[in-house]
N, C-alpha and C. Protein backbone atom coordinates (compact mmCIF):
# COMPACT_ATOMS: atom_id res chain seq x y z
N UNK A 1 36.76 -4.28 -7.22
CA UNK A 1 35.79 -3.39 -7.82
C UNK A 1 35.34 -2.38 -6.76
N UNK A 2 34.66 -1.37 -7.21
CA UNK A 2 34.23 -0.30 -6.32
C UNK A 2 33.31 -0.81 -5.23
N UNK A 3 33.44 -0.25 -4.07
CA UNK A 3 32.61 -0.56 -2.91
C UNK A 3 32.68 -2.03 -2.50
N UNK A 4 33.71 -2.73 -2.90
CA UNK A 4 33.91 -4.10 -2.48
C UNK A 4 33.09 -5.14 -3.22
N UNK A 5 32.41 -4.76 -4.30
CA UNK A 5 31.63 -5.73 -5.08
C UNK A 5 32.56 -6.53 -5.97
N UNK A 6 32.30 -7.81 -6.08
CA UNK A 6 33.08 -8.65 -6.99
C UNK A 6 32.59 -8.43 -8.42
N UNK A 7 33.35 -8.93 -9.37
CA UNK A 7 32.93 -8.79 -10.77
C UNK A 7 31.63 -9.55 -11.02
N UNK A 8 31.42 -10.66 -10.34
CA UNK A 8 30.19 -11.44 -10.50
C UNK A 8 29.00 -10.67 -9.93
N UNK A 9 29.16 -10.07 -8.76
CA UNK A 9 28.08 -9.28 -8.16
C UNK A 9 27.74 -8.07 -9.03
N UNK A 10 28.75 -7.44 -9.60
CA UNK A 10 28.53 -6.28 -10.47
C UNK A 10 27.76 -6.70 -11.72
N UNK A 11 28.18 -7.79 -12.35
CA UNK A 11 27.50 -8.28 -13.55
C UNK A 11 26.05 -8.64 -13.23
N UNK A 12 25.82 -9.33 -12.12
CA UNK A 12 24.46 -9.71 -11.74
C UNK A 12 23.58 -8.49 -11.51
N UNK A 13 24.12 -7.46 -10.88
CA UNK A 13 23.35 -6.23 -10.63
C UNK A 13 23.00 -5.54 -11.94
N UNK A 14 23.93 -5.46 -12.87
CA UNK A 14 23.66 -4.83 -14.16
C UNK A 14 22.61 -5.62 -14.94
N UNK A 15 22.72 -6.93 -14.94
CA UNK A 15 21.77 -7.77 -15.67
C UNK A 15 20.38 -7.71 -15.05
N UNK A 16 20.30 -7.69 -13.73
CA UNK A 16 18.99 -7.71 -13.07
C UNK A 16 18.25 -6.38 -13.18
N UNK A 17 18.94 -5.30 -13.47
CA UNK A 17 18.29 -3.99 -13.58
C UNK A 17 18.14 -3.52 -15.02
N UNK A 18 18.61 -4.33 -15.98
CA UNK A 18 18.47 -3.96 -17.40
C UNK A 18 16.99 -3.98 -17.79
N UNK A 19 16.63 -3.09 -18.70
CA UNK A 19 15.24 -2.97 -19.14
C UNK A 19 15.03 -3.75 -20.43
N UNK A 20 13.96 -4.53 -20.46
CA UNK A 20 13.60 -5.31 -21.65
C UNK A 20 13.24 -4.34 -22.78
N UNK A 21 13.80 -4.55 -23.96
CA UNK A 21 13.50 -3.68 -25.10
C UNK A 21 12.74 -4.44 -26.19
N UNK A 22 12.11 -5.54 -25.80
CA UNK A 22 11.20 -6.31 -26.64
C UNK A 22 11.84 -6.87 -27.90
N UNK A 23 13.07 -7.30 -27.79
CA UNK A 23 13.74 -8.01 -28.87
C UNK A 23 14.06 -9.41 -28.38
N UNK A 24 14.43 -10.28 -29.28
CA UNK A 24 14.81 -11.62 -28.88
C UNK A 24 16.07 -11.58 -28.03
N UNK A 25 16.24 -12.59 -27.19
CA UNK A 25 17.41 -12.64 -26.31
C UNK A 25 18.73 -12.56 -27.07
N UNK A 26 18.78 -13.15 -28.26
CA UNK A 26 20.02 -13.09 -29.03
C UNK A 26 20.23 -11.74 -29.70
N UNK A 27 19.23 -10.86 -29.67
CA UNK A 27 19.36 -9.52 -30.22
C UNK A 27 19.59 -8.47 -29.15
N UNK A 28 19.00 -8.64 -27.97
CA UNK A 28 19.09 -7.61 -26.94
C UNK A 28 19.97 -8.01 -25.77
N UNK A 29 20.33 -9.27 -25.66
CA UNK A 29 21.07 -9.70 -24.48
C UNK A 29 20.20 -9.53 -23.25
N UNK A 30 20.70 -8.87 -22.24
CA UNK A 30 19.92 -8.65 -21.01
C UNK A 30 19.01 -7.44 -21.12
N UNK A 31 19.17 -6.62 -22.16
CA UNK A 31 18.32 -5.46 -22.35
C UNK A 31 19.11 -4.16 -22.30
N UNK A 32 18.41 -3.08 -22.12
CA UNK A 32 18.99 -1.74 -22.07
C UNK A 32 19.56 -1.48 -20.68
N UNK A 33 20.81 -1.11 -20.63
CA UNK A 33 21.47 -0.85 -19.35
C UNK A 33 20.82 0.34 -18.65
N UNK A 34 20.43 0.15 -17.41
CA UNK A 34 19.84 1.21 -16.59
C UNK A 34 20.81 1.47 -15.44
N UNK A 35 21.74 2.38 -15.67
CA UNK A 35 22.80 2.64 -14.71
C UNK A 35 22.23 3.16 -13.39
N UNK A 36 21.25 4.04 -13.45
CA UNK A 36 20.67 4.59 -12.23
C UNK A 36 20.09 3.48 -11.36
N UNK A 37 19.33 2.59 -11.95
CA UNK A 37 18.75 1.47 -11.20
C UNK A 37 19.84 0.57 -10.64
N UNK A 38 20.88 0.33 -11.42
CA UNK A 38 21.98 -0.53 -10.97
C UNK A 38 22.68 0.07 -9.75
N UNK A 39 22.70 1.40 -9.67
CA UNK A 39 23.33 2.08 -8.55
C UNK A 39 22.35 2.34 -7.40
N UNK A 40 21.10 1.92 -7.57
CA UNK A 40 20.10 2.10 -6.53
C UNK A 40 19.50 3.49 -6.50
N UNK A 41 19.59 4.21 -7.62
CA UNK A 41 19.04 5.57 -7.71
C UNK A 41 17.70 5.54 -8.43
N UNK A 42 16.98 6.67 -8.43
CA UNK A 42 15.70 6.78 -9.12
C UNK A 42 15.96 6.73 -10.61
N UNK A 43 15.42 5.72 -11.27
CA UNK A 43 15.63 5.59 -12.71
C UNK A 43 14.39 5.97 -13.49
N UNK A 44 13.42 6.63 -12.86
CA UNK A 44 12.20 7.02 -13.55
C UNK A 44 12.40 8.21 -14.47
N UNK A 45 13.44 8.99 -14.27
CA UNK A 45 13.72 10.14 -15.12
C UNK A 45 14.36 9.64 -16.40
N UNK A 46 13.69 9.84 -17.52
CA UNK A 46 14.21 9.36 -18.79
C UNK A 46 15.14 10.35 -19.48
N UNK A 47 15.43 11.48 -18.84
CA UNK A 47 16.37 12.44 -19.40
C UNK A 47 15.78 13.42 -20.39
N UNK A 48 14.47 13.36 -20.63
CA UNK A 48 13.86 14.25 -21.60
C UNK A 48 13.45 15.58 -21.00
N UNK A 49 13.47 15.69 -19.68
CA UNK A 49 13.05 16.93 -19.04
C UNK A 49 11.59 16.94 -18.69
N UNK A 50 10.85 15.92 -19.13
CA UNK A 50 9.44 15.78 -18.77
C UNK A 50 9.27 14.50 -17.99
N UNK A 51 8.38 14.49 -17.03
CA UNK A 51 8.17 13.27 -16.22
C UNK A 51 6.85 12.65 -16.49
């Protein structure tokens, strides 16, 4: 995988940075994927153009 991460490390990083969307675990899984947070970037920008 990229940058030498194993598939297990990649999965753990994605799961640990996912955002809770207030549904049951069987409906949301780990939550909403936050790619910026998973990559260690600022994830506060929601893409709407307003902060």
